Amino acid sequence: MTKKPTRKENTDLLQRGILCSLIGLAVLISPSFMAPSGMREAVAGSALVGWFALVLGVAFLGLYLRRRAIGKAP
């Protein structure tokens, strides 16, 4: 038997999803706003990390929404 997730666990999942998504978007979008420099190249080179963070954040948000939908089901 599985235990029902607590409200705190669901809130933590939502926060992690939002933060990971924002970090991923920041890593992917920020090089276009930076001045040409070594730092810009370093951030642009970490695009794979940005995609990973974005996908992980979307997965956390999807899990949160799934748990929320199951919790409201009769």
C-alpha atoms as a PDB file:
ATOM      1  CA  MET A   1       0.000   0.000   0.000  1.00  0.00           C
ATOM      2  CA  THR A   2       1.228   3.459  -0.833  1.00  0.00           C
ATOM      3  CA  LYS A   3       0.738   6.367   1.482  1.00  0.00           C
ATOM      4  CA  LYS A   4      -1.001   9.499   0.321  1.00  0.00           C
ATOM      5  CA  PRO A   5       1.466  12.383  -0.243  1.00  0.00           C
ATOM      6  CA  THR A   6       1.206  15.135   2.329  1.00  0.00           C
ATOM      7  CA  ARG A   7       0.471  18.733   1.471  1.00  0.00           C
ATOM      8  CA  LYS A   8       4.092  19.672   2.271  1.00  0.00           C
ATOM      9  CA  GLU A   9       5.436  17.039  -0.142  1.00  0.00           C
ATOM     10  CA  ASN A  10       3.165  18.352  -2.891  1.00  0.00           C
ATOM     11  CA  THR A  11       4.198  21.943  -2.207  1.00  0.00           C
ATOM     12  CA  ASP A  12       7.879  20.944  -2.284  1.00  0.00           C
ATOM     13  CA  LEU A  13       7.315  19.211  -5.620  1.00  0.00           C
ATOM     14  CA  LEU A  14       5.668  22.341  -7.027  1.00  0.00           C
ATOM     15  CA  GLN A  15       8.518  24.563  -5.802  1.00  0.00           C
ATOM     16  CA  ARG A  16      11.173  22.257  -7.258  1.00  0.00           C
ATOM     17  CA  GLY A  17       9.351  22.155 -10.574  1.00  0.00           C
ATOM     18  CA  ILE A  18       9.096  25.916 -10.823  1.00  0.00           C
ATOM     19  CA  LEU A  19      12.714  26.511  -9.779  1.00  0.00           C
ATOM     20  CA  CYS A  20      14.173  23.867 -12.115  1.00  0.00           C
ATOM     21  CA  SER A  21      12.123  25.223 -15.007  1.00  0.00           C
ATOM     22  CA  LEU A  22      13.231  28.797 -14.334  1.00  0.00           C
ATOM     23  CA  ILE A  23      16.883  27.780 -14.035  1.00  0.00           C
ATOM     24  CA  GLY A  24      16.673  25.817 -17.273  1.00  0.00           C
ATOM     25  CA  LEU A  25      15.059  28.717 -19.104  1.00  0.00           C
ATOM     26  CA  ALA A  26      17.637  31.139 -17.709  1.00  0.00           C
ATOM     27  CA  VAL A  27      20.526  28.982 -18.890  1.00  0.00           C
ATOM     28  CA  LEU A  28      18.995  28.580 -22.347  1.00  0.00           C
ATOM     29  CA  ILE A  29      17.918  32.199 -22.891  1.00  0.00           C
ATOM     30  CA  SER A  30      20.604  34.226 -21.098  1.00  0.00           C
ATOM     31  CA  PRO A  31      23.414  33.907 -23.700  1.00  0.00           C
ATOM     32  CA  SER A  32      21.374  35.932 -26.176  1.00  0.00           C
ATOM     33  CA  PHE A  33      21.266  38.860 -23.712  1.00  0.00           C
ATOM     34  CA  MET A  34      24.924  38.751 -22.641  1.00  0.00           C
ATOM     35  CA  ALA A  35      27.739  40.755 -24.164  1.00  0.00           C
ATOM     36  CA  PRO A  36      30.229  38.718 -26.207  1.00  0.00           C
ATOM     37  CA  SER A  37      32.739  37.345 -23.719  1.00  0.00           C
ATOM     38  CA  GLY A  38      34.130  34.150 -22.312  1.00  0.00           C
ATOM     39  CA  MET A  39      31.297  33.975 -19.827  1.00  0.00           C
ATOM     40  CA  ARG A  40      28.749  34.039 -22.620  1.00  0.00           C
ATOM     41  CA  GLU A  41      30.517  31.150 -24.344  1.00  0.00           C
ATOM     42  CA  ALA A  42      30.583  29.176 -21.098  1.00  0.00           C
ATOM     43  CA  VAL A  43      26.869  29.664 -20.494  1.00  0.00           C
ATOM     44  CA  ALA A  44      26.060  28.880 -24.135  1.00  0.00           C
ATOM     45  CA  GLY A  45      28.158  25.725 -23.864  1.00  0.00           C
ATOM     46  CA  SER A  46      26.035  24.498 -20.975  1.00  0.00           C
ATOM     47  CA  ALA A  47      22.851  24.334 -23.039  1.00  0.00           C
ATOM     48  CA  LEU A  48      22.566  20.597 -22.337  1.00  0.00           C
ATOM     49  CA  VAL A  49      22.372  21.352 -18.621  1.00  0.00           C
ATOM     50  CA  GLY A  50      19.689  23.945 -19.316  1.00  0.00           C
ATOM     51  CA  TRP A  51      17.605  21.451 -21.291  1.00  0.00           C
ATOM     52  CA  PHE A  52      18.012  18.868 -18.534  1.00  0.00           C
ATOM     53  CA  ALA A  53      16.853  21.345 -15.868  1.00  0.00           C
ATOM     54  CA  LEU A  54      13.903  22.398 -18.009  1.00  0.00           C
ATOM     55  CA  VAL A  55      12.778  18.819 -18.661  1.00  0.00           C
ATOM     56  CA  LEU A  56      13.233  17.903 -14.996  1.00  0.00           C
ATOM     57  CA  GLY A  57      11.190  20.929 -13.926  1.00  0.00           C
ATOM     58  CA  VAL A  58       8.385  20.085 -16.345  1.00  0.00           C
ATOM     59  CA  ALA A  59       8.408  16.487 -15.049  1.00  0.00           C
ATOM     60  CA  PHE A  60       8.098  17.722 -11.457  1.00  0.00           C
ATOM     61  CA  LEU A  61       5.226  20.002 -12.436  1.00  0.00           C
ATOM     62  CA  GLY A  62       3.519  17.159 -14.292  1.00  0.00           C
ATOM     63  CA  LEU A  63       3.842  14.905 -11.249  1.00  0.00           C
ATOM     64  CA  TYR A  64       2.433  17.654  -9.043  1.00  0.00           C
ATOM     65  CA  LEU A  65      -0.553  18.122 -11.352  1.00  0.00           C
ATOM     66  CA  ARG A  66      -1.103  14.353 -11.525  1.00  0.00           C
ATOM     67  CA  ARG A  67      -1.090  14.044  -7.742  1.00  0.00           C
ATOM     68  CA  ARG A  68      -3.442  16.967  -7.461  1.00  0.00           C
ATOM     69  CA  ALA A  69      -5.866  15.491 -10.000  1.00  0.00           C
ATOM     70  CA  ILE A  70      -5.834  12.104  -8.269  1.00  0.00           C
ATOM     71  CA  GLY A  71      -6.431  13.762  -4.905  1.00  0.00           C
ATOM     72  CA  LYS A  72      -9.581  15.473  -6.177  1.00  0.00           C
ATOM     73  CA  ALA A  73     -10.975  12.345  -7.844  1.00  0.00           C
ATOM     74  CA  PRO A  74     -13.978  10.850  -6.026  1.00  0.00           C
END
